[in-house]
Amino acid sequence: MDELLEASKLLKAGLDRYINACSVTTSLYNPANRENDNSPVLNAITDELQMVATYEKNVRNAQSILSKGRNTSLALVPINLLPSELLEWIFELAYYSWLRSVDIENFQPEDGDDEDVPSDYIQYNMDVKLPSPMFPETLTRVCAHWRQVALSSHRLWSRIDVPIFSQSYKRLLLRGRTFSSQTNSPGLDVHILMANGEMERESLYDQLDQFCTAVGSKIRALQLTNGVKSRIFYPKFRLAPLLAASFAHLTPGTLEHLALIDHHPPKPNFINSTELAQESDYWQDSGMRIKLPQRQIDEVLRPIQSLWLKNHYFPWESPAYYGLVDLRLLRSEKITETFIESTQLRGILSGSPKLRTFQCAIKVKGANAAVQDLPGPIYLAELEDLHLRQMEYRESQHVISLISPGPKPLSLSIQIGTSSLSE
C-alpha cells in the first residue's frame, strides 16, 4: 500500500509538471508565422499527442485494476449482499425482459396474410443472427456466485427456442438439451418455428425427434409455428411432421399449453391420426394427418388447459377442447372455409366452465336460429377476456348470447368482418 501511495504522489507531481510543460511549449508556437510550420516546437507537440494516447491507455488499465479490486468488496457492491432468492428473481426479471425483445414469434411473415405474393416469396430474413449475448448463459460467466445462483434457477432454463432459419438449428437443439438438464421437474416451454423451407429434410425431423425423445417428458408448453408458404403445385402441411416428431414423446398430463400456428396453410383443415384416413380418400382432401395412433393424440390433448390454434384445428368433438382456461380459435383473414356449428361451440364452452380467455375468429353456423329455440347462456364464472374477430355482425351477437360472464371485470372486443360491413 505504501508503494501505491508513493507512486500516486510521484504521478500527480509528474502530471502537474507535464501539464505545465505542455502549456509553455504550446505558447512558444505561433501559428501566424508560416516559417514555424516545420519548426521543432510543432514537431514536438505532434509527437507528444501520440504519447498522450499511450498514457491514456495505461491510465485506463490502472483504473480497471483498481475497479476490479474495489468491486470485490461486499460493503461497496450491495448486489452481492442480496439473498440468493432475490438475486435469482432479478436474473429472471432481466431474462424475461430480454426474451420478449428477441422472441422468435416477433419474426412475423413479411407479407402477413397476403395470399397474392409469389409462392416462392421469402417471408423471413434468412440472415437473421442469434441474439448476443445469449441469456441465461451470460449470467454464469460473471463470477462464481452468480454462476451458482443462475444454475440453481430452473425458470432461467425453462424456455427453449428453435427457429429453423438455417443450419444453426442444430446448435439450438444441443442448447435446448443443456437447458433441459438444468430443470429437474416438468416445466419446459418449447417454441419451434419453421422459417426456411430449404431446411426441410428428413434429417431435420430425425433430429427434432431425437430432441423430443430427450426432453419430451419435461415439456409443459409447446408452440409449433409455420412461416413458410406452400407452393401452388406442391401443397404441404408443414406442421404435420413437427407435430408427429413432438407428440410421440410427450407425457400425458405434463403438457398444459399447446399452440399450433400456421401462417401459410395450403388450406385450413382438421388434424387427425393417419389411422382414421380411409384408403379411398387418403390421397384426396383428407386433412392434416399425424402418423400416431388417435388414442395417443387424445391422451396428450385431454389434460391441456390452454389451446391456441390458427388455420388448423382438432375435430370439434376432440377432448382437446374440454377443461380449458384459455382457448383461441384463429384464422388468416382470407381463409373463410372453416366454420363451427353453434351447437358444437356451445358444447365446447359448456365443457370449459373455468374458461378465462376466449378468442374466436372462425365462422359460426346456426347463428340465425330463433332466440326462443335456444337454450340459456352458459355461465363462465372465471371469464376475463372475450375477443371476437373477423365475424359477421349476426355471428358475433350470437356468440355473445351464448355466454353469461361471471363477476370478474370483462375485457370485450369485437371486430366485424369486411363482408358484413359491405352489406
Protein backbone atom coordinates (compact mmCIF):
# COMPACT_ATOMS: atom_id res chain seq x y z
CA MET A 1 0.00 0.00 0.00
CA ASP A 2 2.90 2.38 0.81
CA GLU A 3 4.30 1.75 -2.67
CA LEU A 4 0.91 2.64 -4.23
CA LEU A 5 0.62 5.88 -2.23
CA GLU A 6 4.20 6.92 -3.04
CA ALA A 7 3.73 6.13 -6.75
CA SER A 8 0.48 8.10 -6.74
CA LYS A 9 2.24 11.17 -5.28
CA LEU A 10 5.00 10.94 -7.88
CA LEU A 11 2.43 10.52 -10.67
CA LYS A 12 0.49 13.59 -9.52
CA ALA A 13 3.66 15.67 -9.29
CA GLY A 14 4.77 14.40 -12.69
CA LEU A 15 1.39 15.20 -14.25
CA ASP A 16 1.41 18.72 -12.82
CA ARG A 17 4.89 19.28 -14.24
CA TYR A 18 3.87 17.67 -17.57
CA ILE A 19 0.77 19.86 -17.96
CA ASN A 20 2.80 22.98 -17.18
CA ALA A 21 5.43 21.96 -19.77
CA CYS A 22 2.69 21.40 -22.37
CA SER A 23 1.31 24.89 -21.71
CA VAL A 24 4.74 26.55 -22.00
CA THR A 25 5.61 24.65 -25.19
CA THR A 26 2.35 25.45 -26.97
CA SER A 27 2.75 29.14 -26.03
CA LEU A 28 6.04 29.19 -27.95
CA TYR A 29 4.31 28.15 -31.17
CA ASN A 30 2.96 31.00 -33.29
CA PRO A 31 0.58 29.68 -35.98
CA ALA A 32 0.63 33.08 -37.74
CA ASN A 33 4.28 32.56 -38.65
CA ARG A 34 4.31 30.23 -41.67
CA GLU A 35 8.02 29.58 -41.14
CA ASN A 36 7.05 27.71 -37.94
CA ASP A 37 5.09 25.03 -39.85
CA ASN A 38 8.12 22.73 -39.76
CA SER A 39 9.56 24.04 -36.55
CA PRO A 40 10.91 21.75 -33.79
CA VAL A 41 8.18 23.10 -31.48
CA LEU A 42 5.33 21.92 -33.74
CA ASN A 43 7.01 18.57 -34.28
CA ALA A 44 7.37 18.12 -30.52
CA ILE A 45 3.67 18.92 -29.98
CA THR A 46 2.64 16.42 -32.69
CA ASP A 47 4.87 13.67 -31.28
CA GLU A 48 3.63 14.30 -27.75
CA LEU A 49 -0.02 13.91 -28.80
CA GLN A 50 0.82 10.35 -29.85
CA MET A 51 2.42 9.73 -26.47
CA VAL A 52 -0.67 11.07 -24.68
CA ALA A 53 -2.71 8.29 -26.31
CA THR A 54 -0.44 5.67 -24.74
CA TYR A 55 -0.67 7.43 -21.37
CA GLU A 56 -4.48 7.27 -21.60
CA LYS A 57 -4.31 3.53 -22.28
CA ASN A 58 -2.08 2.97 -19.25
CA VAL A 59 -4.36 5.07 -17.04
CA ARG A 60 -7.40 3.06 -18.16
CA ASN A 61 -5.51 -0.13 -17.37
CA ALA A 62 -4.73 1.15 -13.87
CA GLN A 63 -8.38 2.16 -13.43
CA SER A 64 -9.51 -1.33 -14.47
CA ILE A 65 -7.15 -2.99 -11.98
CA LEU A 66 -8.31 -0.75 -9.13
CA SER A 67 -12.01 -1.13 -10.03
CA LYS A 68 -11.73 -4.91 -10.12
CA GLY A 69 -10.28 -4.91 -6.63
CA ARG A 70 -12.88 -2.44 -5.36
CA ASN A 71 -15.79 -4.42 -6.79
CA THR A 72 -14.90 -7.47 -4.74
CA SER A 73 -15.84 -5.57 -1.60
CA LEU A 74 -19.17 -6.72 -0.17
CA ALA A 75 -19.56 -3.38 1.59
CA LEU A 76 -19.27 -1.36 -1.62
CA VAL A 77 -21.22 -3.62 -4.03
CA PRO A 78 -24.69 -4.12 -2.48
CA ILE A 79 -25.88 -6.66 -5.08
CA ASN A 80 -23.51 -9.21 -3.60
CA LEU A 81 -25.23 -8.69 -0.25
CA LEU A 82 -28.65 -9.63 -1.63
CA PRO A 83 -30.09 -13.03 -0.68
CA SER A 84 -29.71 -15.62 -3.43
CA GLU A 85 -33.51 -15.84 -3.79
CA LEU A 86 -33.77 -12.10 -4.54
CA LEU A 87 -30.78 -12.18 -6.89
CA GLU A 88 -32.41 -15.09 -8.71
CA TRP A 89 -35.62 -13.06 -9.08
CA ILE A 90 -33.63 -10.13 -10.55
CA PHE A 91 -31.98 -12.52 -13.02
CA GLU A 92 -35.36 -13.88 -14.09
CA LEU A 93 -36.80 -10.38 -14.49
CA ALA A 94 -33.87 -9.32 -16.68
CA TYR A 95 -34.02 -12.58 -18.65
CA TYR A 96 -37.71 -12.43 -19.47
CA SER A 97 -37.46 -8.74 -20.39
CA TRP A 98 -34.66 -9.64 -22.81
CA LEU A 99 -36.61 -12.64 -24.04
CA ARG A 100 -39.56 -10.50 -25.13
CA SER A 101 -37.24 -8.44 -27.32
CA VAL A 102 -35.85 -11.47 -29.18
CA ASP A 103 -38.88 -13.77 -29.09
CA ILE A 104 -38.96 -15.80 -32.30
CA GLU A 105 -42.67 -15.11 -32.54
CA ASN A 106 -41.80 -11.46 -33.24
CA PHE A 107 -40.44 -12.60 -36.62
CA GLN A 108 -43.76 -12.35 -38.42
CA PRO A 109 -44.02 -13.15 -42.15
CA GLU A 110 -43.16 -10.04 -44.11
CA ASP A 111 -46.20 -10.41 -46.33
CA GLY A 112 -48.59 -11.01 -43.42
CA ASP A 113 -51.76 -12.67 -44.66
CA ASP A 114 -51.35 -11.54 -48.26
CA GLU A 115 -52.10 -14.59 -50.36
CA ASP A 116 -51.23 -12.86 -53.66
CA VAL A 117 -47.45 -12.85 -53.27
CA PRO A 118 -45.42 -15.36 -55.32
CA SER A 119 -45.37 -18.87 -53.89
CA ASP A 120 -41.58 -18.81 -53.56
CA TYR A 121 -41.56 -15.47 -51.74
CA ILE A 122 -39.14 -15.48 -48.78
CA GLN A 123 -41.19 -14.48 -45.75
CA TYR A 124 -38.30 -14.31 -43.30
CA ASN A 125 -34.87 -12.76 -43.20
CA MET A 126 -32.65 -15.80 -43.64
CA ASP A 127 -29.59 -13.86 -42.49
CA VAL A 128 -31.01 -13.36 -39.00
CA LYS A 129 -28.32 -13.99 -36.38
CA LEU A 130 -28.74 -15.47 -32.94
CA PRO A 131 -29.04 -12.74 -30.30
CA SER A 132 -25.84 -11.85 -28.49
CA PRO A 133 -25.12 -12.04 -25.65
CA MET A 134 -27.15 -15.18 -25.13
CA PHE A 135 -29.14 -15.35 -21.92
CA PRO A 136 -29.05 -17.03 -19.48
CA GLU A 137 -25.61 -18.41 -20.33
CA THR A 138 -24.04 -14.97 -19.88
CA LEU A 139 -25.08 -14.88 -16.22
CA THR A 140 -22.97 -17.95 -15.50
CA ARG A 141 -19.77 -16.24 -16.67
CA VAL A 142 -19.73 -13.18 -14.41
CA CYS A 143 -18.46 -14.69 -11.16
CA ALA A 144 -18.71 -17.90 -9.14
CA HIS A 145 -21.57 -16.56 -7.01
CA TRP A 146 -23.69 -15.52 -10.00
CA ARG A 147 -22.97 -18.83 -11.69
CA GLN A 148 -24.21 -20.75 -8.66
CA VAL A 149 -27.39 -18.66 -8.42
CA ALA A 150 -28.11 -18.89 -12.16
CA LEU A 151 -27.61 -22.65 -12.31
CA SER A 152 -29.91 -23.17 -9.33
CA SER A 153 -32.80 -21.33 -11.03
CA HIS A 154 -34.99 -23.73 -13.01
CA ARG A 155 -37.05 -20.90 -14.55
CA LEU A 156 -33.99 -19.41 -16.25
CA TRP A 157 -33.53 -22.60 -18.24
CA SER A 158 -37.18 -23.40 -18.96
CA ARG A 159 -37.56 -21.58 -22.30
CA ILE A 160 -36.21 -23.33 -25.43
CA ASP A 161 -36.42 -21.54 -28.80
CA VAL A 162 -35.60 -23.37 -32.03
CA PRO A 163 -36.07 -21.05 -35.03
CA ILE A 164 -35.28 -23.07 -38.14
CA PHE A 165 -33.74 -20.36 -40.31
CA SER A 166 -30.50 -22.15 -41.16
CA GLN A 167 -28.19 -24.91 -40.00
CA SER A 168 -27.91 -23.04 -36.69
CA TYR A 169 -30.96 -25.03 -35.54
CA LYS A 170 -28.58 -27.92 -34.76
CA ARG A 171 -26.73 -25.75 -32.27
CA LEU A 172 -30.03 -24.62 -30.78
CA LEU A 173 -31.20 -28.22 -30.32
CA LEU A 174 -27.99 -29.01 -28.41
CA ARG A 175 -28.53 -25.84 -26.38
CA GLY A 176 -32.08 -26.99 -25.65
CA ARG A 177 -30.83 -30.30 -24.28
CA THR A 178 -28.47 -28.42 -21.98
CA PHE A 179 -31.36 -26.29 -20.76
CA SER A 180 -33.44 -29.41 -20.15
CA SER A 181 -30.71 -30.90 -17.97
CA GLN A 182 -30.97 -27.84 -15.70
CA THR A 183 -34.66 -28.45 -14.96
CA ASN A 184 -35.48 -31.37 -12.70
CA SER A 185 -39.26 -31.15 -12.96
CA PRO A 186 -41.64 -30.75 -15.92
CA GLY A 187 -41.70 -27.10 -16.89
CA LEU A 188 -40.07 -26.64 -20.30
CA ASP A 189 -41.56 -24.07 -22.67
CA VAL A 190 -40.56 -25.14 -26.20
CA HIS A 191 -41.06 -22.94 -29.29
CA ILE A 192 -40.21 -24.36 -32.73
CA LEU A 193 -40.53 -22.09 -35.77
CA MET A 194 -40.24 -23.38 -39.35
CA ALA A 195 -38.98 -20.32 -41.22
CA ASN A 196 -37.00 -21.70 -44.15
CA GLY A 197 -38.30 -24.42 -46.44
CA GLU A 198 -34.75 -25.12 -47.63
CA MET A 199 -34.07 -26.74 -44.24
CA GLU A 200 -36.96 -29.18 -44.60
CA ARG A 201 -35.24 -32.53 -44.93
CA GLU A 202 -35.61 -35.94 -43.34
CA SER A 203 -32.51 -35.23 -41.24
CA LEU A 204 -34.25 -32.21 -39.70
CA TYR A 205 -37.19 -34.27 -38.48
CA ASP A 206 -34.87 -37.04 -37.29
CA GLN A 207 -33.00 -34.54 -35.13
CA LEU A 208 -36.25 -33.00 -33.85
CA ASP A 209 -37.44 -36.49 -32.99
CA GLN A 210 -34.21 -37.19 -31.07
CA PHE A 211 -34.50 -33.84 -29.31
CA CYS A 212 -38.11 -34.50 -28.26
CA THR A 213 -37.13 -38.01 -27.12
CA ALA A 214 -34.66 -36.40 -24.72
CA VAL A 215 -36.85 -33.56 -23.42
CA GLY A 216 -40.44 -34.61 -24.19
CA SER A 217 -41.29 -35.76 -20.67
CA LYS A 218 -40.47 -32.26 -19.34
CA ILE A 219 -42.41 -30.17 -21.89
CA ARG A 220 -45.12 -28.13 -20.18
CA ALA A 221 -45.82 -25.74 -23.08
CA LEU A 222 -45.31 -26.38 -26.80
CA GLN A 223 -45.68 -23.90 -29.65
CA LEU A 224 -45.20 -25.00 -33.25
CA THR A 225 -45.25 -22.28 -35.89
CA ASN A 226 -45.00 -22.46 -39.68
CA GLY A 227 -43.99 -19.33 -41.56
CA VAL A 228 -43.15 -20.96 -44.91
CA LYS A 229 -45.64 -20.63 -47.73
CA SER A 230 -46.62 -23.76 -49.65
CA ARG A 231 -46.03 -23.85 -53.37
CA ILE A 232 -49.14 -23.85 -55.53
CA PHE A 233 -48.45 -27.20 -57.19
CA TYR A 234 -46.90 -28.84 -54.14
CA PRO A 235 -49.07 -28.06 -51.12
CA LYS A 236 -47.69 -29.27 -47.81
CA PHE A 237 -48.95 -29.31 -44.25
CA ARG A 238 -45.64 -28.29 -42.70
CA LEU A 239 -46.94 -28.59 -39.15
CA ALA A 240 -47.74 -32.30 -39.54
CA PRO A 241 -44.14 -33.64 -39.29
CA LEU A 242 -43.40 -31.19 -36.46
CA LEU A 243 -46.44 -32.49 -34.61
CA ALA A 244 -45.51 -36.11 -35.19
CA ALA A 245 -41.91 -35.56 -34.03
CA SER A 246 -43.03 -33.90 -30.79
CA PHE A 247 -46.30 -35.64 -29.86
CA ALA A 248 -44.71 -39.08 -29.96
CA HIS A 249 -42.63 -38.21 -26.88
CA LEU A 250 -44.94 -36.01 -24.80
CA THR A 251 -46.12 -37.31 -21.44
CA PRO A 252 -49.92 -37.18 -20.96
CA GLY A 253 -50.74 -34.87 -18.06
CA THR A 254 -47.50 -32.89 -18.36
CA LEU A 255 -48.42 -30.72 -21.36
CA GLU A 256 -50.54 -27.74 -20.23
CA HIS A 257 -50.30 -25.35 -23.18
CA LEU A 258 -50.35 -26.12 -26.92
CA ALA A 259 -50.16 -23.58 -29.76
CA LEU A 260 -50.28 -24.60 -33.44
CA ILE A 261 -49.82 -21.53 -35.64
CA ASP A 262 -49.74 -21.88 -39.44
CA HIS A 263 -49.36 -18.52 -41.16
CA HIS A 264 -49.46 -20.10 -44.63
CA PRO A 265 -51.52 -23.31 -44.74
CA PRO A 266 -52.34 -24.94 -48.10
CA LYS A 267 -55.91 -24.70 -46.78
CA PRO A 268 -57.46 -24.88 -43.32
CA ASN A 269 -58.26 -28.37 -42.15
CA PHE A 270 -58.74 -30.66 -39.20
CA ILE A 271 -55.94 -32.59 -37.52
CA ASN A 272 -56.36 -36.34 -37.13
CA SER A 273 -54.39 -39.54 -36.98
CA THR A 274 -53.46 -41.27 -40.22
CA GLU A 275 -55.26 -44.37 -38.90
CA LEU A 276 -58.57 -42.54 -39.39
CA ALA A 277 -57.91 -41.90 -43.06
CA GLN A 278 -59.75 -44.35 -45.29
CA GLU A 279 -57.83 -45.88 -48.14
CA SER A 280 -60.24 -44.36 -50.64
CA ASP A 281 -59.74 -40.76 -49.52
CA TYR A 282 -56.14 -40.85 -48.36
CA TRP A 283 -54.89 -39.01 -51.44
CA GLN A 284 -57.91 -36.78 -51.51
CA ASP A 285 -58.90 -33.92 -49.24
CA SER A 286 -58.35 -35.85 -46.02
CA GLY A 287 -56.98 -33.06 -43.79
CA MET A 288 -53.73 -32.89 -41.89
CA ARG A 289 -52.76 -36.37 -40.72
CA ILE A 290 -50.33 -37.23 -37.95
CA LYS A 291 -48.56 -40.58 -38.01
CA LEU A 292 -49.59 -41.50 -34.47
CA PRO A 293 -52.48 -43.53 -33.03
CA GLN A 294 -55.54 -41.36 -32.37
CA ARG A 295 -55.70 -42.70 -28.82
CA GLN A 296 -52.17 -41.41 -28.13
CA ILE A 297 -53.03 -37.99 -29.56
CA ASP A 298 -56.16 -37.76 -27.41
CA GLU A 299 -54.28 -38.78 -24.26
CA VAL A 300 -51.85 -35.89 -24.75
CA LEU A 301 -54.62 -33.40 -25.57
CA ARG A 302 -57.12 -34.28 -22.86
CA PRO A 303 -55.33 -32.69 -19.83
CA ILE A 304 -54.19 -29.43 -21.50
CA GLN A 305 -55.53 -26.14 -20.14
CA SER A 306 -54.51 -23.67 -22.86
CA LEU A 307 -55.04 -24.18 -26.60
CA TRP A 308 -54.18 -21.75 -29.41
CA LEU A 309 -54.96 -22.82 -32.98
CA LYS A 310 -54.57 -20.86 -36.23
CA ASN A 311 -55.86 -22.28 -39.53
CA HIS A 312 -55.71 -25.91 -38.32
CA TYR A 313 -58.00 -27.36 -35.69
CA PHE A 314 -58.70 -30.60 -33.94
CA PRO A 315 -62.17 -32.03 -34.65
CA TRP A 316 -64.77 -30.14 -32.63
CA GLU A 317 -65.61 -33.25 -30.62
CA SER A 318 -61.94 -33.74 -29.63
CA PRO A 319 -61.09 -33.91 -25.91
CA ALA A 320 -58.64 -31.08 -26.60
CA TYR A 321 -61.45 -28.54 -26.14
CA TYR A 322 -62.58 -29.56 -22.66
CA GLY A 323 -61.34 -28.29 -19.31
CA LEU A 324 -59.63 -25.25 -20.85
CA VAL A 325 -58.86 -21.89 -19.25
CA ASP A 326 -57.58 -20.29 -22.48
CA LEU A 327 -58.99 -21.06 -25.95
CA ARG A 328 -58.07 -19.19 -29.14
CA LEU A 329 -59.53 -20.24 -32.50
CA LEU A 330 -57.81 -18.03 -35.08
CA ARG A 331 -57.54 -17.83 -38.86
CA SER A 332 -55.87 -15.78 -41.56
CA GLU A 333 -58.05 -13.02 -42.95
CA LYS A 334 -58.53 -14.51 -46.42
CA ILE A 335 -59.27 -18.03 -45.22
CA THR A 336 -63.02 -18.39 -44.81
CA GLU A 337 -63.74 -22.11 -45.28
CA THR A 338 -63.57 -23.12 -41.62
CA PHE A 339 -66.72 -22.99 -39.53
CA ILE A 340 -68.17 -24.40 -36.34
CA GLU A 341 -71.80 -25.22 -35.68
CA SER A 342 -73.47 -23.22 -32.95
CA THR A 343 -74.30 -26.42 -31.06
CA GLN A 344 -70.65 -27.53 -31.23
CA LEU A 345 -69.43 -24.19 -29.88
CA ARG A 346 -71.98 -24.41 -27.07
CA GLY A 347 -70.67 -27.87 -26.19
CA ILE A 348 -67.07 -26.61 -26.10
CA LEU A 349 -67.96 -23.67 -23.86
CA SER A 350 -70.01 -25.92 -21.58
CA GLY A 351 -67.05 -28.28 -21.29
CA SER A 352 -64.75 -25.48 -20.06
CA PRO A 353 -66.60 -23.82 -17.14
CA LYS A 354 -63.35 -22.26 -15.84
CA LEU A 355 -62.55 -20.54 -19.15
CA ARG A 356 -60.76 -17.21 -18.58
CA THR A 357 -59.80 -16.22 -22.13
CA PHE A 358 -61.77 -16.92 -25.32
CA GLN A 359 -60.77 -15.61 -28.75
CA CYS A 360 -62.71 -16.68 -31.83
CA ALA A 361 -62.18 -15.69 -35.47
CA ILE A 362 -63.95 -18.51 -37.33
CA LYS A 363 -67.44 -18.62 -38.77
CA VAL A 364 -70.32 -19.83 -36.60
CA LYS A 365 -73.16 -21.64 -38.38
CA GLY A 366 -76.64 -21.76 -36.91
CA ALA A 367 -76.49 -18.19 -35.72
CA ASN A 368 -79.84 -17.46 -37.39
CA ALA A 369 -81.86 -19.74 -35.13
CA ALA A 370 -84.77 -18.11 -33.33
CA VAL A 371 -83.93 -16.92 -29.84
CA GLN A 372 -86.81 -18.84 -28.29
CA ASP A 373 -85.39 -22.09 -29.71
CA LEU A 374 -82.02 -21.67 -27.97
CA PRO A 375 -81.09 -22.99 -24.51
CA GLY A 376 -79.99 -20.47 -21.91
CA PRO A 377 -76.49 -18.95 -21.96
CA ILE A 378 -73.50 -20.77 -20.48
CA TYR A 379 -72.26 -19.35 -17.19
CA LEU A 380 -68.49 -18.75 -17.24
CA ALA A 381 -67.60 -17.54 -13.76
CA GLU A 382 -63.87 -17.01 -14.49
CA LEU A 383 -64.17 -15.27 -17.88
CA GLU A 384 -61.93 -12.17 -18.13
CA ASP A 385 -61.18 -11.78 -21.85
CA LEU A 386 -63.60 -12.22 -24.76
CA HIS A 387 -62.41 -11.21 -28.22
CA LEU A 388 -64.32 -11.90 -31.45
CA ARG A 389 -62.59 -11.30 -34.78
CA GLN A 390 -63.47 -11.35 -38.50
CA MET A 391 -67.10 -12.32 -37.83
CA GLU A 392 -70.28 -11.09 -39.40
CA TYR A 393 -72.40 -8.99 -37.10
CA ARG A 394 -75.06 -11.65 -36.50
CA GLU A 395 -72.38 -14.24 -35.73
CA SER A 396 -70.71 -12.08 -33.09
CA GLN A 397 -74.07 -11.29 -31.50
CA HIS A 398 -74.94 -14.97 -31.44
CA VAL A 399 -71.66 -15.91 -29.73
CA ILE A 400 -72.22 -13.22 -27.12
CA SER A 401 -75.71 -14.58 -26.49
CA LEU A 402 -74.17 -17.99 -25.71
CA ILE A 403 -72.12 -16.63 -22.81
CA SER A 404 -73.09 -15.42 -19.36
CA PRO A 405 -69.97 -13.87 -17.75
CA GLY A 406 -69.26 -14.12 -14.03
CA PRO A 407 -68.49 -11.34 -11.56
CA LYS A 408 -64.95 -10.61 -12.79
CA PRO A 409 -64.22 -7.47 -14.88
CA LEU A 410 -64.52 -8.42 -18.56
CA SER A 411 -62.33 -7.20 -21.43
CA LEU A 412 -64.52 -7.39 -24.55
CA SER A 413 -63.61 -6.53 -28.15
CA ILE A 414 -65.48 -7.23 -31.39
CA GLN A 415 -64.12 -6.87 -34.92
CA ILE A 416 -66.74 -7.09 -37.66
CA GLY A 417 -65.65 -8.76 -40.91
CA THR A 418 -65.34 -6.66 -44.07
CA SER A 419 -68.02 -8.68 -45.87
CA SER A 420 -70.51 -7.79 -43.16
CA LEU A 421 -69.66 -4.09 -43.39
CA SER A 422 -70.31 -4.04 -47.13
CA GLU A 423 -73.82 -5.41 -46.77
